Structures are given as structure tokens and as C-alpha cells.
Protein backbone atom coordinates (compact mmCIF):
# COMPACT_ATOMS: atom_id res chain seq x y z
CA MET A 1 234.79 261.98 -13.95
CA ILE A 2 231.92 259.66 -14.90
CA ARG A 3 232.87 257.58 -17.98
CA ARG A 4 230.57 256.07 -20.54
CA LYS A 5 231.04 254.34 -23.87
CA GLY A 6 232.27 256.75 -26.50
CA GLY A 7 233.36 259.51 -24.12
CA SER A 8 232.87 260.98 -20.69
CA ILE A 9 230.63 263.48 -18.86
CA SER A 10 231.45 265.84 -16.00
CA SER A 11 230.16 265.15 -12.46
CA GLU A 12 229.91 268.90 -11.75
CA PRO A 13 226.08 269.10 -12.26
CA VAL A 14 225.59 266.20 -9.82
CA ARG A 15 227.69 267.93 -7.20
CA ARG A 16 225.72 271.16 -7.70
CA VAL A 17 222.39 269.38 -7.18
CA ALA A 18 223.68 267.64 -4.06
CA GLY A 19 225.02 270.92 -2.67
CA ARG A 20 221.72 272.69 -3.30
CA ARG A 21 219.79 269.96 -1.48
CA VAL A 22 222.12 270.17 1.49
CA ALA A 23 221.61 273.95 1.62
CA GLU A 24 217.83 273.52 1.42
CA LEU A 25 217.83 270.94 4.23
CA ALA A 26 220.03 273.20 6.36
CA ALA A 27 217.68 276.13 5.77
CA LEU A 28 214.63 274.02 6.69
CA LEU A 29 216.40 272.77 9.80
CA LEU A 30 217.27 276.34 10.81
CA ILE A 31 213.66 277.48 10.29
CA GLY A 32 212.40 274.55 12.39
CA VAL A 33 214.81 275.35 15.21
CA LEU A 34 213.82 279.03 15.19
CA LEU A 35 210.11 278.15 15.23
CA ALA A 36 210.64 275.75 18.13
CA VAL A 37 212.56 278.39 20.09
CA ARG A 38 209.81 280.96 19.44
CA ILE A 39 207.07 278.57 20.53
CA VAL A 40 208.91 277.48 23.69
CA ASP A 41 210.04 281.09 24.34
CA PRO A 42 212.64 280.33 27.03
CA VAL A 43 213.16 282.82 29.83
CA PRO A 44 216.61 284.04 28.64
CA LEU A 45 215.19 284.86 25.22
CA LEU A 46 212.16 286.59 26.80
CA VAL A 47 214.41 288.71 29.03
CA LEU A 48 216.65 289.60 26.10
CA ARG A 49 213.63 290.70 24.05
CA GLN A 50 212.28 292.80 26.92
CA GLN A 51 215.64 294.44 27.55
CA ALA A 52 215.89 295.29 23.86
CA LEU A 53 212.50 296.99 24.16
CA ASP A 54 213.77 298.93 27.19
CA ALA A 55 216.81 300.03 25.22
CA PHE A 56 214.62 301.32 22.39
CA GLN A 57 212.47 303.20 24.92
CA ARG A 58 215.52 304.86 26.46
CA ALA A 59 217.04 305.66 23.07
CA ALA A 60 213.88 307.24 21.66
CA PRO A 61 211.36 307.96 24.44
CA ARG A 62 207.91 309.20 23.60
CA SER A 63 207.77 312.98 23.66
CA GLU A 64 204.78 314.43 25.50
CA ARG A 65 203.88 318.02 24.63
CA GLU A 66 200.81 318.22 26.82
CA PHE A 67 200.27 316.79 30.29
CA PRO A 68 196.53 316.59 30.99
CA ALA A 69 197.24 314.87 34.31
CA ILE A 70 198.82 316.62 37.30
CA VAL A 71 200.52 314.53 39.99
CA VAL A 72 200.27 315.88 43.54
CA ASP A 73 203.38 314.33 45.01
CA ILE A 74 203.93 313.90 48.74
CA ASP A 75 207.64 314.71 48.63
CA ASP A 76 210.25 315.56 51.27
CA ALA A 77 209.30 319.23 51.27
CA ALA A 78 205.68 318.36 52.02
CA LEU A 79 206.72 315.99 54.81
CA GLN A 80 208.92 318.66 56.36
CA ALA A 81 206.08 321.21 56.24
CA LEU A 82 203.19 318.99 57.38
CA GLY A 83 204.83 316.18 59.32
CA GLN A 84 205.52 312.51 58.79
CA TRP A 85 203.30 310.18 56.81
CA PRO A 86 200.56 309.10 57.23
CA TRP A 87 198.89 312.44 57.67
CA PRO A 88 195.61 312.77 59.57
CA ARG A 89 192.63 312.22 57.29
CA ASP A 90 191.25 315.68 58.05
CA LEU A 91 194.47 317.11 56.58
CA VAL A 92 194.02 314.89 53.51
CA ALA A 93 190.41 316.13 53.31
CA ARG A 94 191.54 319.77 53.32
CA LEU A 95 194.11 318.99 50.62
CA LEU A 96 191.41 317.28 48.53
CA GLU A 97 189.10 320.26 49.02
CA ARG A 98 191.77 322.62 47.66
CA ILE A 99 192.38 320.38 44.65
CA LEU A 100 188.66 320.09 43.89
CA ALA A 101 188.34 323.87 44.09
CA ALA A 102 190.53 324.09 40.98
CA GLY A 103 187.86 322.23 38.98
CA PRO A 104 189.58 319.00 37.88
CA ARG A 105 187.58 316.48 35.90
CA VAL A 106 188.67 313.70 38.25
CA VAL A 107 190.91 313.18 41.29
CA ALA A 108 192.37 309.75 42.05
CA PHE A 109 194.27 308.40 45.05
CA ASP A 110 196.85 305.76 44.20
CA MET A 111 197.05 304.89 47.88
CA LEU A 112 194.81 302.97 50.25
CA PHE A 113 192.83 304.04 53.30
CA ALA A 114 192.28 300.48 54.45
CA GLU A 115 192.25 301.09 58.20
CA PRO A 116 190.74 303.75 60.46
CA ASP A 117 192.86 306.85 60.92
CA ARG A 118 195.14 306.32 63.92
CA LEU A 119 195.36 310.12 64.27
CA SER A 120 191.61 310.62 64.38
CA TRP A 121 189.99 312.43 67.28
CA THR A 122 188.53 309.17 68.54
CA SER A 123 191.94 307.50 68.67
CA ILE A 124 193.43 310.49 70.50
CA ALA A 125 190.49 310.51 72.92
CA GLU A 126 191.13 306.87 73.80
CA ARG A 127 194.77 307.63 74.61
CA LEU A 128 193.76 310.66 76.76
CA ALA A 129 190.96 308.88 78.60
CA GLY A 130 193.08 308.19 81.67
CA LEU A 131 195.04 311.45 81.63
CA ALA A 132 192.43 314.03 80.73
CA PRO A 133 188.91 312.57 80.85
CA GLU A 134 187.19 315.87 80.11
CA VAL A 135 189.33 316.52 77.05
CA SER A 136 188.78 312.92 75.96
CA ALA A 137 185.01 313.34 76.23
CA ASP A 138 185.10 316.53 74.17
CA LEU A 139 187.21 314.87 71.46
CA ARG A 140 184.79 311.94 71.20
CA ARG A 141 182.01 314.35 70.24
CA LEU A 142 183.96 315.54 67.20
CA PRO A 143 183.34 313.86 63.82
CA SER A 144 185.95 311.30 62.85
CA THR A 145 188.61 312.33 60.34
CA ASP A 146 187.51 309.46 58.08
CA SER A 147 184.01 310.95 58.01
CA GLU A 148 185.51 314.35 57.07
CA LEU A 149 187.35 312.81 54.12
CA ALA A 150 184.20 310.91 53.08
CA ALA A 151 182.12 314.11 53.28
CA VAL A 152 184.53 315.96 50.99
CA SER A 153 184.58 313.03 48.50
CA ARG A 154 180.83 312.43 48.40
CA GLY A 155 179.24 313.57 45.15
CA ARG A 156 182.61 314.65 43.73
CA PRO A 157 184.72 313.02 40.96
CA VAL A 158 186.96 311.12 43.37
CA VAL A 159 188.37 307.66 42.49
CA LEU A 160 189.91 305.34 45.08
CA ALA A 161 192.38 302.52 44.53
CA GLN A 162 192.10 298.82 45.29
CA VAL A 163 194.94 296.27 45.35
CA PRO A 164 194.21 292.73 44.07
CA LEU A 165 195.56 289.99 46.33
CA LEU A 166 197.03 286.67 45.27
CA GLU A 167 195.36 285.02 48.25
CA ARG A 168 192.72 285.92 50.77
CA LEU A 169 194.16 287.36 53.96
CA PRO A 170 193.57 285.00 56.91
CA GLY A 171 191.07 286.28 59.43
CA ARG A 172 189.96 289.12 57.17
CA PRO A 173 186.20 289.20 56.76
CA ALA A 174 184.83 289.15 53.26
CA ILE A 175 183.91 292.73 52.41
CA ASP A 176 181.58 293.52 49.58
CA PRO A 177 182.60 296.97 48.33
CA PRO A 178 179.96 299.17 46.73
CA PRO A 179 179.46 298.40 43.06
CA GLY A 180 181.80 300.37 40.85
CA ALA A 181 181.51 300.91 37.13
CA SER A 182 178.83 298.86 35.43
CA ILE A 183 180.49 296.37 33.06
CA ALA A 184 178.66 295.51 29.83
CA VAL A 185 180.12 292.75 27.65
CA LEU A 186 179.46 292.35 23.93
CA GLY A 187 180.51 289.31 21.93
CA GLY A 188 181.14 286.71 24.64
CA ALA A 189 182.47 286.15 28.15
CA VAL A 190 185.33 288.43 29.19
CA GLU A 191 186.44 286.52 32.32
CA PRO A 192 188.66 283.94 30.52
CA TYR A 193 190.88 286.76 29.24
CA LEU A 194 191.42 288.48 32.62
CA SER A 195 193.92 287.90 35.42
CA ALA A 196 192.02 286.42 38.35
CA PHE A 197 192.50 287.25 42.03
CA PRO A 198 190.57 285.78 44.96
CA ASP A 199 190.35 289.03 46.91
CA ALA A 200 191.34 292.69 46.95
CA LEU A 201 192.51 295.08 49.63
CA THR A 202 190.01 297.93 49.69
CA ASN A 203 189.40 301.15 51.61
CA LEU A 204 187.17 301.79 54.57
CA ALA A 205 183.54 301.08 53.73
CA GLU A 206 182.60 304.73 54.47
CA LEU A 207 185.18 306.01 51.98
CA GLU A 208 184.28 303.37 49.36
CA ALA A 209 180.64 304.39 49.53
CA ALA A 210 181.48 308.08 49.07
CA ALA A 211 183.80 307.62 46.05
CA ALA A 212 182.61 308.01 42.46
CA GLY A 213 184.80 305.17 41.23
CA ARG A 214 187.18 302.43 42.26
CA GLY A 215 190.13 301.14 40.24
CA SER A 216 192.80 298.48 40.54
CA ILE A 217 196.45 299.43 41.04
CA GLY A 218 197.78 295.87 40.82
CA LEU A 219 200.86 295.93 38.59
CA PRO A 220 202.07 292.44 37.62
CA ALA A 221 205.82 292.43 36.96
CA GLU A 222 207.61 290.59 34.17
CA VAL A 223 210.08 287.77 34.80
CA ASP A 224 212.84 290.33 35.38
CA ASN A 225 210.70 292.18 37.99
CA VAL A 226 210.07 295.17 35.72
CA VAL A 227 206.54 296.47 35.16
CA ARG A 228 205.96 297.10 31.46
CA ARG A 229 202.24 296.43 31.09
CA VAL A 230 199.18 297.45 33.10
CA PRO A 231 196.03 295.30 32.82
CA LEU A 232 193.02 297.42 31.94
CA LEU A 233 190.66 294.96 33.64
CA VAL A 234 191.13 292.31 36.32
CA ARG A 235 188.80 289.79 37.92
CA VAL A 236 188.50 289.92 41.70
CA GLY A 237 186.33 287.10 42.98
CA GLY A 238 183.16 287.28 40.94
CA ARG A 239 183.44 290.90 39.77
CA VAL A 240 185.39 292.72 37.08
CA VAL A 241 187.43 295.69 38.30
CA PRO A 242 188.89 298.29 35.89
CA ALA A 243 192.37 299.70 36.26
CA LEU A 244 192.68 302.99 38.14
CA ALA A 245 193.48 304.88 34.90
CA VAL A 246 190.46 303.38 33.11
CA GLU A 247 188.16 304.27 36.00
CA MET A 248 189.57 307.81 36.04
CA LEU A 249 188.74 308.20 32.34
CA ARG A 250 185.20 306.90 32.88
CA VAL A 251 184.53 309.27 35.78
CA ALA A 252 186.15 312.20 33.92
CA ALA A 253 183.93 311.53 30.90
CA GLY A 254 180.85 311.40 33.10
CA GLU A 255 179.89 307.94 31.86
CA THR A 256 178.35 305.15 33.88
CA THR A 257 179.33 301.96 32.06
CA LEU A 258 182.38 300.28 30.57
CA LEU A 259 181.51 298.42 27.37
CA VAL A 260 183.88 295.51 26.69
CA GLN A 261 183.87 294.06 23.17
CA VAL A 262 185.13 290.47 22.93
CA ASP A 263 186.02 288.51 19.79
CA ALA A 264 187.72 285.18 19.08
CA ALA A 265 191.16 286.64 19.85
CA GLY A 266 190.19 288.15 23.20
CA ILE A 267 189.26 291.66 24.27
CA ALA A 268 188.98 293.79 21.13
CA ALA A 269 187.89 297.14 22.56
CA LEU A 270 187.05 298.89 25.81
CA GLU A 271 184.79 301.93 25.75
CA ALA A 272 183.18 304.14 28.39
CA VAL A 273 179.50 304.68 27.61
CA GLY A 274 176.51 306.16 29.40
CA ARG A 275 173.00 304.93 29.99
CA GLN A 276 171.76 306.89 26.98
CA ASP A 277 174.31 305.18 24.74
CA LEU A 278 173.23 301.77 26.00
CA VAL A 279 169.56 302.63 25.45
CA GLU A 280 170.28 303.77 21.89
CA PHE A 281 172.37 300.65 21.29
CA ALA A 282 169.58 298.46 22.64
CA LEU A 283 167.13 300.18 20.27
CA VAL A 284 169.40 299.70 17.27
CA ILE A 285 169.95 295.97 17.84
CA PRO A 286 166.33 294.94 16.99
CA ILE A 287 166.43 297.08 13.85
CA LEU A 288 169.69 295.47 12.73
CA LEU A 289 168.27 292.05 13.56
CA VAL A 290 165.17 292.70 11.47
CA LEU A 291 167.30 293.90 8.55
CA VAL A 292 169.53 290.82 8.70
CA LEU A 293 166.55 288.49 8.90
CA GLY A 294 164.87 290.38 6.06
CA VAL A 295 167.90 289.90 3.81
CA PHE A 296 167.98 286.22 4.79
CA GLU A 297 164.29 285.72 3.99
CA LEU A 298 164.58 287.62 0.71
CA GLY A 299 167.48 285.41 -0.33
CA ARG A 300 165.54 282.24 0.44
CA PHE A 301 162.46 283.50 -1.41
CA VAL A 302 164.51 284.39 -4.50
CA HIS A 303 166.12 280.95 -4.33
CA ALA A 304 162.68 279.32 -4.19
CA TYR A 305 161.49 281.42 -7.14
CA ILE A 306 164.49 280.36 -9.25
CA ILE A 307 163.83 276.70 -8.42
CA VAL A 308 160.14 277.01 -9.31
CA THR A 309 160.96 278.77 -12.60
CA THR A 310 163.52 276.11 -13.54
CA ALA A 311 161.09 273.32 -12.67
CA ALA A 312 158.35 274.89 -14.82
CA GLY A 313 160.81 275.11 -17.74
CA ASP A 314 161.80 271.45 -17.35
CA GLY A 315 158.15 270.39 -17.27
CA ALA A 316 157.28 272.42 -20.39
CA ARG A 317 160.37 271.07 -22.19
CA TYR A 318 159.43 267.50 -21.38
CA GLY A 319 155.79 268.07 -22.41
CA SER A 320 156.82 269.60 -25.74
CA MET A 321 158.49 266.32 -26.64
CA THR A 322 155.96 263.83 -25.19
CA ALA A 323 152.53 265.44 -25.69
CA GLY A 324 150.08 262.94 -27.21
CA GLU A 325 147.00 263.52 -29.33
CA ASP A 326 144.71 264.17 -26.37
CA PRO A 327 145.45 267.43 -24.50
CA ASN A 328 143.67 266.00 -21.45
CA ASP A 329 145.62 262.74 -21.35
CA PRO A 330 146.17 262.14 -17.60
CA GLU A 331 149.26 260.02 -18.15
CA VAL A 332 151.05 262.86 -19.98
CA ILE A 333 150.03 265.44 -17.40
CA GLU A 334 151.18 263.22 -14.48
CA ALA A 335 154.47 262.52 -16.23
CA ILE A 336 155.07 266.27 -16.59
CA ARG A 337 154.27 266.77 -12.91
CA ASP A 338 156.79 264.04 -12.02
CA VAL A 339 159.48 265.91 -13.94
CA VAL A 340 158.67 269.13 -12.09
CA LEU A 341 158.73 267.40 -8.68
CA ASP A 342 162.02 265.64 -9.47
CA ARG A 343 163.61 268.98 -10.32
CA THR A 344 162.45 270.69 -7.12
CA ASN A 345 163.48 267.73 -4.93
CA HIS A 346 166.90 267.69 -6.59
CA ASP A 347 167.59 271.43 -6.17
CA ALA A 348 166.19 272.00 -2.69
CA GLU A 349 164.30 269.57 -0.48
CA TRP A 350 162.77 272.42 1.52
CA VAL A 351 160.86 273.60 -1.60
CA THR A 352 157.91 271.24 -1.21
CA ILE A 353 155.48 271.52 -4.14
CA GLN A 354 152.21 269.60 -4.19
CA ARG A 355 151.02 267.88 -7.36
CA GLU A 356 147.89 270.04 -7.42
CA ASP A 357 150.15 273.14 -7.53
CA ILE A 358 151.37 272.07 -10.98
CA THR A 359 149.02 272.96 -13.86
CA VAL A 360 149.52 271.78 -17.46
CA THR A 361 147.50 273.50 -20.20
CA PHE A 362 147.52 273.80 -23.98
CA PRO A 363 146.63 277.43 -24.85
CA ASP A 364 145.83 276.54 -28.48
CA GLY A 365 143.49 273.72 -27.45
CA SER A 366 145.48 271.13 -29.37
CA THR A 367 148.67 269.08 -29.02
CA ALA A 368 149.47 269.37 -32.70
CA PRO A 369 153.07 270.27 -33.55
CA GLY A 370 153.58 274.00 -33.61
CA ASN A 371 151.07 274.67 -30.86
CA ALA A 372 152.07 275.69 -27.31
CA ILE A 373 152.21 273.83 -24.03
CA ARG A 374 152.21 275.79 -20.76
CA VAL A 375 153.28 274.60 -17.30
CA ASP A 376 152.39 276.67 -14.22
CA VAL A 377 154.03 275.95 -10.85
CA ALA A 378 153.11 277.61 -7.53
CA PHE A 379 154.90 277.32 -4.18
CA ASP A 380 153.69 278.72 -0.86
CA TYR A 381 156.81 280.01 0.91
CA LEU A 382 156.55 280.20 4.70
CA PRO A 383 159.22 282.57 6.10
CA GLN A 384 161.51 281.00 8.69
CA THR A 385 160.98 284.01 10.98
CA SER A 386 157.18 283.84 10.85
CA ALA A 387 157.11 282.23 14.29
CA PHE A 388 158.13 285.47 16.02
CA LEU A 389 157.60 288.11 13.32
CA SER A 390 154.05 287.02 12.31
CA LEU A 391 154.83 287.09 8.58
CA PRO A 392 152.19 285.68 6.19
CA PRO A 393 153.07 282.98 3.62
CA LEU A 394 154.38 284.23 0.29
CA THR A 395 153.56 282.61 -3.07
CA ALA A 396 156.34 282.02 -5.57
CA SER A 397 154.71 281.19 -8.90
CA ALA A 398 156.18 280.81 -12.38
CA PHE A 399 155.14 279.48 -15.78
CA ASN A 400 156.87 278.46 -18.98
CA GLU A 401 155.51 277.98 -22.51
CA MET A 402 157.16 275.97 -25.25
CA VAL A 403 156.25 274.91 -28.78
CA ILE A 404 155.29 271.26 -29.26
CA TYR A 405 157.39 269.40 -31.75
CA GLN A 406 156.97 265.70 -32.53
């Protein structure tokens, strides 16, 4: 109890206030700790969050009713029928020919043909050179199996894979693969938002040149060595390489270019477009630019007109109170011009009015009370875009009449 003269009061309200403040401080402390943990994002918390996502995926997987993609799997049955892997490239070429005969929009290999076929006729001829020279000579005259695969791929919707490397392989010569999809960027540089690799493992140059597209199959794993995300674009050396799936979609759509839209947050959109789309887009940009500049110039001209109108009103108001007996009194006219110039300089310094552009007249020919005073103001507005649009100067003129009272 807290005692005072003449009675006592309860300490219960004080305890309630103290308890509420403690609860508020504890809540703020808890929020601060949670924010710090989220910003730091320690590995155990990251793994726990990813495993929770995996659990949700297993509990309610996405149901696919249609499968537009068909996977040709090299399974045990195929290996038993056709022999161990790798198969000769002429066998792969015949398999590709059968697939293309079915009319797919695109065929992609998620494997590499980085080295010459060790089962090619040339390789067999080298091994038979000492045992059967005549047979070896006949085999050397046959086209290589790599050339057979390239011939089947050439001019067809075939996409090959490339594997980004974390470091350049020692002793491997720098190979410049044929240019793949043309990358157009809108809104800023895309490279800062991409995973960068110094090099990539590619296919034989003959096969690369024959393919319609090339895509990356690099799959960066999470901290728990599980792949959950596939980058749509990666940077290999000085070029941007799309993912294999993205390149398949581009080739299937028959487009030539990938348009990447970048904003302040990163990559906002990725779209496959053709040359015609880019031409139309390039034609639209000048029209949009002219419209934007036109709105800008119209706004500035209207602003100048409002300033000129206000200045003419101030000049007429001042003249209605200070007009002398002589309507041609130069001191009165110059004083009115000073008022007009002060108003324009105060509202916008870029509205530069010359003294000779300000005209003061008395329509009734007299400065007697009850007669009118008129102030005309003219301003030659030069559009900001006149340097490259060849626009002529525009005149913003206004007048104001008021009744003289003295």
C-alpha cells in the first residue's frame, strides 16, 4: 500500500503499468532477435526451411495432366539390346533420325559429346592398321561417326548441352563455340545478377556448329547438396548462356532472340522473341519517346502560360492602384514592368521575359478612376527538345485588364 495524508491508495495500477512495459520490452527484444536471425540466416535454419519445403512438395506434389515433353531414356533394356555406353555416334545419329521423323518441335541432348567418338571408323582403322592394312585403309575412307551425327543435326531443331566449369581446365585450349541465342537486354546490365563461370565444357566444334541451340545444364546444389533451383541464365566468360530448358523453348518457338528485362530488383522477365518482334519494338520506341517528350513540352508550355497570365494580372493590379494623371508616364510604366518581372523571376527563373515584351496601355485614353488599364505580357518559349526535333519557338502571351481606382 502507498499511504498519504487522509487515506491510502492502491499500488495495483503501478504494478500493471510496470508489467505492461516489461511485456512490451520483451516483445521488442523477441522481434529484434528474430530479425537478426533472419538477416544472418544461419545454415541450420536455412536447411530446416529447405527441408520443410521438401516435405510440402512430397505431401502435395504438383499434378501434371499433360506431358508435352518426352524423355528418351537410355535404360538397362536399351543397353542390353544395343550394347554398353557410350554408343557409336552413328547409332546415336540413327536414333536421332527416328526421333526427328516423328516431328518434334525440338530435341535436346542433356549429355556431352566433348571428345571424338572412340568407336568411329577412323579409331577402328588405327587399331587395325598393323593387323589388317587393307581393311584399315577402307575404313579410313568412310565418313566419321561424328560427321554423321552432325549431318543429321544440321538444319534441324537440335539443342546441345554445355556444362559451366568453376575453373578453366589446365592445358585445355580456349574454344569459342558458335554463337547461340542472341541476348537482348532491356533496362540495364544483366551480368551482375548471373552466376559467373570462367569456362564451359562444350561439344565437338563440328557438332556445335550443326546444332540449332546450346544450353547450360549446370545445376548448383544447395547447402544440403540438393538441387532445388535451376538458373535460367548463366555467364560463361564474356557471354550469357541460357539454360537447356530455356534454349529448348526458344528453338521450339522458332525465335531467334532472348529478351531479358532488368529492373532495380534484378531480372524481371525473360522472353523469346524473333527479329520481327525486335524490329517492331525498335519502331515503337521512337514513337513512345516522342509522345513522352511531347507531354513534357506541353506541361512546360502550360506552366509558362500560367506564369505569364499571373504576372500580367499582378502588373494590372499594381497599375490600377498607382496610375498617375499622365497615361504615358514612363515611371509608372517601368514600375509596372518591374512588378511583372519580379513575379516571373519568383515563379520560374527559366521564364525569361524582356522589358519590351511587357506593354502597358489605357484603352479609354485616360487614367481617371473608373477607366481601364491593360497589361500585355509575351514570352517566347523555346522547347527543350528543339535541338534534335527542330521545333520552332512558341509564344505564350496573356493580358489582363483592371479598373483604375484612386
